[in-house]
Amino acid sequence: MRVLLQRVKKASVKIDGEIVGKISEGIVLLVGFRDSDTEKDIEFLVDKCVNLRIHNDLEGKMNISTFEQNKEILVVSQFTLYGDAKKGRRPGFIEAARPEKAEKLYEKFVELTKKSKLKVETGKFGAEMLVEILNDGPVTLMLESEFENEKN
């Protein structure tokens, strides 16, 4: 499982011109899944994302978590995180989970993220979305479940 985390000043998701998810300061989580991902992967990465110390303290050091600052979270499904562009000019997505499995994993990810009691907004799984992100810093981190390497 992969999560591309971005610290943001604000972010939103539009579908067919309508805003379906919108946050102010916090993090955007673009999440991608493989068929082999489990709830254990999801639990690990939700905890990592919510508690990762990426917000600045009074001295300007990244030392405070999203949870500690009561920031907001926008979660967007992103199967292209498993795109493989090593060969040719068109990426392949063979590693990405099939949509039926990925949707269930995505819903579980959102459910567990909401248990943080922070404001959590989402896009819509499988939809064509316009995601607007005002990256803060910029701070962008690629996170993978600790179990990823065990599966290879």
C-alpha atoms as a PDB file:
ATOM      1  CA  MET A   1       0.000   0.000   0.000  1.00  0.00           C
ATOM      2  CA  ARG A   2       1.218   3.482  -0.818  1.00  0.00           C
ATOM      3  CA  VAL A   3       0.236   6.922   0.389  1.00  0.00           C
ATOM      4  CA  LEU A   4       1.481  10.163  -1.093  1.00  0.00           C
ATOM      5  CA  LEU A   5       1.092  12.639   1.779  1.00  0.00           C
ATOM      6  CA  GLN A   6       1.121  16.379   1.194  1.00  0.00           C
ATOM      7  CA  ARG A   7       0.968  19.054   3.868  1.00  0.00           C
ATOM      8  CA  VAL A   8      -1.470  21.678   2.603  1.00  0.00           C
ATOM      9  CA  LYS A   9      -2.844  25.123   3.324  1.00  0.00           C
ATOM     10  CA  LYS A  10      -6.079  24.013   1.625  1.00  0.00           C
ATOM     11  CA  ALA A  11      -7.345  21.385  -0.793  1.00  0.00           C
ATOM     12  CA  SER A  12     -10.523  20.342  -2.551  1.00  0.00           C
ATOM     13  CA  VAL A  13     -11.947  17.711  -4.874  1.00  0.00           C
ATOM     14  CA  LYS A  14     -14.439  18.458  -7.631  1.00  0.00           C
ATOM     15  CA  ILE A  15     -16.521  15.987  -9.597  1.00  0.00           C
ATOM     16  CA  ASP A  16     -18.486  17.334 -12.574  1.00  0.00           C
ATOM     17  CA  GLY A  17     -17.812  20.896 -11.391  1.00  0.00           C
ATOM     18  CA  GLU A  18     -19.171  20.270  -7.882  1.00  0.00           C
ATOM     19  CA  ILE A  19     -16.964  20.320  -4.778  1.00  0.00           C
ATOM     20  CA  VAL A  20     -17.393  16.974  -2.994  1.00  0.00           C
ATOM     21  CA  GLY A  21     -14.583  17.349  -0.450  1.00  0.00           C
ATOM     22  CA  LYS A  22     -12.799  20.407   0.922  1.00  0.00           C
ATOM     23  CA  ILE A  23     -10.339  21.075   3.749  1.00  0.00           C
ATOM     24  CA  SER A  24      -8.352  23.964   5.116  1.00  0.00           C
ATOM     25  CA  GLU A  25      -4.916  23.392   6.717  1.00  0.00           C
ATOM     26  CA  GLY A  26      -3.929  19.778   7.095  1.00  0.00           C
ATOM     27  CA  ILE A  27      -2.895  16.913   4.852  1.00  0.00           C
ATOM     28  CA  VAL A  28      -3.957  15.361   1.575  1.00  0.00           C
ATOM     29  CA  LEU A  29      -3.557  11.602   1.367  1.00  0.00           C
ATOM     30  CA  LEU A  30      -3.464  10.112  -2.118  1.00  0.00           C
ATOM     31  CA  VAL A  31      -3.842   6.374  -1.499  1.00  0.00           C
ATOM     32  CA  GLY A  32      -3.115   3.403  -3.744  1.00  0.00           C
ATOM     33  CA  PHE A  33      -3.608  -0.288  -3.108  1.00  0.00           C
ATOM     34  CA  ARG A  34      -2.405  -3.680  -4.329  1.00  0.00           C
ATOM     35  CA  ASP A  35      -4.418  -6.905  -4.247  1.00  0.00           C
ATOM     36  CA  SER A  36      -2.156  -8.244  -1.493  1.00  0.00           C
ATOM     37  CA  ASP A  37      -2.866  -5.330   0.887  1.00  0.00           C
ATOM     38  CA  THR A  38      -4.644  -6.113   4.135  1.00  0.00           C
ATOM     39  CA  GLU A  39      -6.249  -4.298   7.031  1.00  0.00           C
ATOM     40  CA  LYS A  40      -2.862  -4.509   8.761  1.00  0.00           C
ATOM     41  CA  ASP A  41      -1.370  -2.321   5.994  1.00  0.00           C
ATOM     42  CA  ILE A  42      -4.218   0.159   6.335  1.00  0.00           C
ATOM     43  CA  GLU A  43      -3.952   0.379  10.127  1.00  0.00           C
ATOM     44  CA  PHE A  44      -0.203   0.979   9.888  1.00  0.00           C
ATOM     45  CA  LEU A  45      -0.471   3.766   7.320  1.00  0.00           C
ATOM     46  CA  VAL A  46      -3.470   5.517   8.872  1.00  0.00           C
ATOM     47  CA  ASP A  47      -1.585   5.678  12.167  1.00  0.00           C
ATOM     48  CA  LYS A  48       1.569   6.860  10.386  1.00  0.00           C
ATOM     49  CA  CYS A  49      -0.240   9.609   8.456  1.00  0.00           C
ATOM     50  CA  VAL A  50      -2.261  10.969  11.369  1.00  0.00           C
ATOM     51  CA  ASN A  51       0.687  10.950  13.790  1.00  0.00           C
ATOM     52  CA  LEU A  52       3.604  11.860  11.520  1.00  0.00           C
ATOM     53  CA  ARG A  53       5.235  15.032  12.849  1.00  0.00           C
ATOM     54  CA  ILE A  54       5.184  17.212   9.737  1.00  0.00           C
ATOM     55  CA  HIS A  55       3.701  20.465  11.034  1.00  0.00           C
ATOM     56  CA  ASN A  56       5.889  23.240  12.338  1.00  0.00           C
ATOM     57  CA  ASP A  57       6.292  24.027  16.015  1.00  0.00           C
ATOM     58  CA  LEU A  58       6.893  27.575  17.301  1.00  0.00           C
ATOM     59  CA  GLU A  59      10.547  27.316  16.256  1.00  0.00           C
ATOM     60  CA  GLY A  60       9.652  26.369  12.694  1.00  0.00           C
ATOM     61  CA  LYS A  61      10.709  22.726  13.035  1.00  0.00           C
ATOM     62  CA  MET A  62       8.518  19.899  11.776  1.00  0.00           C
ATOM     63  CA  ASN A  63       7.686  18.555  15.202  1.00  0.00           C
ATOM     64  CA  ILE A  64       3.887  18.372  15.533  1.00  0.00           C
ATOM     65  CA  SER A  65       1.454  15.832  14.073  1.00  0.00           C
ATOM     66  CA  THR A  66      -1.778  16.449  12.211  1.00  0.00           C
ATOM     67  CA  PHE A  67      -3.612  14.887  15.158  1.00  0.00           C
ATOM     68  CA  GLU A  68      -1.882  17.091  17.755  1.00  0.00           C
ATOM     69  CA  GLN A  69      -2.797  20.262  15.841  1.00  0.00           C
ATOM     70  CA  ASN A  70      -6.345  19.115  15.079  1.00  0.00           C
ATOM     71  CA  LYS A  71      -5.750  19.659  11.358  1.00  0.00           C
ATOM     72  CA  GLU A  72      -7.953  18.366   8.543  1.00  0.00           C
ATOM     73  CA  ILE A  73      -7.493  15.431   6.150  1.00  0.00           C
ATOM     74  CA  LEU A  74      -8.544  14.906   2.540  1.00  0.00           C
ATOM     75  CA  VAL A  75      -8.348  11.293   1.304  1.00  0.00           C
ATOM     76  CA  VAL A  76      -8.342  10.563  -2.439  1.00  0.00           C
ATOM     77  CA  SER A  77      -8.012   7.168  -4.127  1.00  0.00           C
ATOM     78  CA  GLN A  78      -5.068   7.123  -6.542  1.00  0.00           C
ATOM     79  CA  PHE A  79      -4.419   3.829  -8.359  1.00  0.00           C
ATOM     80  CA  THR A  80      -1.713   5.532 -10.445  1.00  0.00           C
ATOM     81  CA  LEU A  81       0.608   5.365  -7.417  1.00  0.00           C
ATOM     82  CA  TYR A  82       1.234   1.827  -8.662  1.00  0.00           C
ATOM     83  CA  GLY A  83       1.937   2.932 -12.232  1.00  0.00           C
ATOM     84  CA  ASP A  84       5.022   1.364 -13.782  1.00  0.00           C
ATOM     85  CA  ALA A  85       6.722   3.499 -16.448  1.00  0.00           C
ATOM     86  CA  LYS A  86      10.002   1.573 -16.680  1.00  0.00           C
ATOM     87  CA  LYS A  87       9.288   0.297 -20.185  1.00  0.00           C
ATOM     88  CA  GLY A  88       7.834   2.138 -23.127  1.00  0.00           C
ATOM     89  CA  ARG A  89       5.961   5.410 -22.999  1.00  0.00           C
ATOM     90  CA  ARG A  90       2.687   4.321 -21.454  1.00  0.00           C
ATOM     91  CA  PRO A  91       2.539   3.344 -17.776  1.00  0.00           C
ATOM     92  CA  GLY A  92       1.203  -0.047 -16.808  1.00  0.00           C
ATOM     93  CA  PHE A  93      -0.924  -0.603 -13.729  1.00  0.00           C
ATOM     94  CA  ILE A  94      -0.572  -4.358 -13.236  1.00  0.00           C
ATOM     95  CA  GLU A  95       0.476  -3.892  -9.587  1.00  0.00           C
ATOM     96  CA  ALA A  96      -2.597  -1.822  -8.702  1.00  0.00           C
ATOM     97  CA  ALA A  97      -5.441  -3.645  -6.964  1.00  0.00           C
ATOM     98  CA  ARG A  98      -8.479  -4.566  -9.027  1.00  0.00           C
ATOM     99  CA  PRO A  99     -11.223  -1.957  -8.541  1.00  0.00           C
ATOM    100  CA  GLU A 100     -13.496  -4.307  -6.520  1.00  0.00           C
ATOM    101  CA  LYS A 101     -10.747  -4.963  -3.964  1.00  0.00           C
ATOM    102  CA  ALA A 102      -9.328  -1.419  -4.023  1.00  0.00           C
ATOM    103  CA  GLU A 103     -12.716   0.144  -3.271  1.00  0.00           C
ATOM    104  CA  LYS A 104     -13.147  -1.995  -0.147  1.00  0.00           C
ATOM    105  CA  LEU A 105      -9.615  -1.143   1.006  1.00  0.00           C
ATOM    106  CA  TYR A 106     -10.232   2.547   0.319  1.00  0.00           C
ATOM    107  CA  GLU A 107     -13.470   2.524   2.319  1.00  0.00           C
ATOM    108  CA  LYS A 108     -11.664   0.840   5.224  1.00  0.00           C
ATOM    109  CA  PHE A 109      -8.853   3.423   5.012  1.00  0.00           C
ATOM    110  CA  VAL A 110     -11.394   6.270   5.195  1.00  0.00           C
ATOM    111  CA  GLU A 111     -13.271   4.572   8.063  1.00  0.00           C
ATOM    112  CA  LEU A 112     -10.098   4.178  10.137  1.00  0.00           C
ATOM    113  CA  THR A 113      -8.939   7.714   9.342  1.00  0.00           C
ATOM    114  CA  LYS A 114     -12.266   9.081  10.604  1.00  0.00           C
ATOM    115  CA  LYS A 115     -11.694   7.277  13.917  1.00  0.00           C
ATOM    116  CA  SER A 116      -8.986   9.893  14.592  1.00  0.00           C
ATOM    117  CA  LYS A 117     -11.900  12.307  15.258  1.00  0.00           C
ATOM    118  CA  LEU A 118     -10.294  14.825  12.888  1.00  0.00           C
ATOM    119  CA  LYS A 119     -12.287  16.363  10.046  1.00  0.00           C
ATOM    120  CA  VAL A 120     -11.919  13.918   7.143  1.00  0.00           C
ATOM    121  CA  GLU A 121     -13.178  14.675   3.648  1.00  0.00           C
ATOM    122  CA  THR A 122     -12.915  12.426   0.587  1.00  0.00           C
ATOM    123  CA  GLY A 123     -13.158  12.220  -3.131  1.00  0.00           C
ATOM    124  CA  LYS A 124     -15.251   9.489  -4.756  1.00  0.00           C
ATOM    125  CA  PHE A 125     -13.681   6.153  -5.545  1.00  0.00           C
ATOM    126  CA  GLY A 126     -13.314   5.558  -9.282  1.00  0.00           C
ATOM    127  CA  ALA A 127     -14.594   8.985 -10.304  1.00  0.00           C
ATOM    128  CA  GLU A 128     -12.856  11.456 -12.598  1.00  0.00           C
ATOM    129  CA  MET A 129     -11.825  14.104 -10.096  1.00  0.00           C
ATOM    130  CA  LEU A 130     -10.156  17.488 -10.183  1.00  0.00           C
ATOM    131  CA  VAL A 131      -7.992  17.758  -7.088  1.00  0.00           C
ATOM    132  CA  GLU A 132      -6.811  21.226  -6.122  1.00  0.00           C
ATOM    133  CA  ILE A 133      -3.934  21.280  -3.651  1.00  0.00           C
ATOM    134  CA  LEU A 134      -2.108  24.259  -2.174  1.00  0.00           C
ATOM    135  CA  ASN A 135       0.998  22.432  -0.932  1.00  0.00           C
ATOM    136  CA  ASP A 136       2.516  23.942   2.212  1.00  0.00           C
ATOM    137  CA  GLY A 137       6.291  23.978   2.405  1.00  0.00           C
ATOM    138  CA  PRO A 138       6.170  22.178   0.064  1.00  0.00           C
ATOM    139  CA  VAL A 139       6.083  19.018   2.147  1.00  0.00           C
ATOM    140  CA  THR A 140       5.411  15.816   0.187  1.00  0.00           C
ATOM    141  CA  LEU A 141       6.241  12.311   1.415  1.00  0.00           C
ATOM    142  CA  MET A 142       5.779   8.881  -0.165  1.00  0.00           C
ATOM    143  CA  LEU A 143       4.820   6.320   2.486  1.00  0.00           C
ATOM    144  CA  GLU A 144       4.553   2.567   2.074  1.00  0.00           C
ATOM    145  CA  SER A 145       3.221  -0.007   4.461  1.00  0.00           C
ATOM    146  CA  GLU A 146       5.967  -1.740   6.427  1.00  0.00           C
ATOM    147  CA  PHE A 147       4.652  -5.028   5.056  1.00  0.00           C
ATOM    148  CA  GLU A 148       5.205  -4.025   1.409  1.00  0.00           C
ATOM    149  CA  ASN A 149       8.648  -5.605   1.145  1.00  0.00           C
ATOM    150  CA  GLU A 150       7.458  -8.814   2.831  1.00  0.00           C
ATOM    151  CA  LYS A 151       5.046  -9.351  -0.068  1.00  0.00           C
ATOM    152  CA  ASN A 152       7.655  -9.222  -2.843  1.00  0.00           C
END
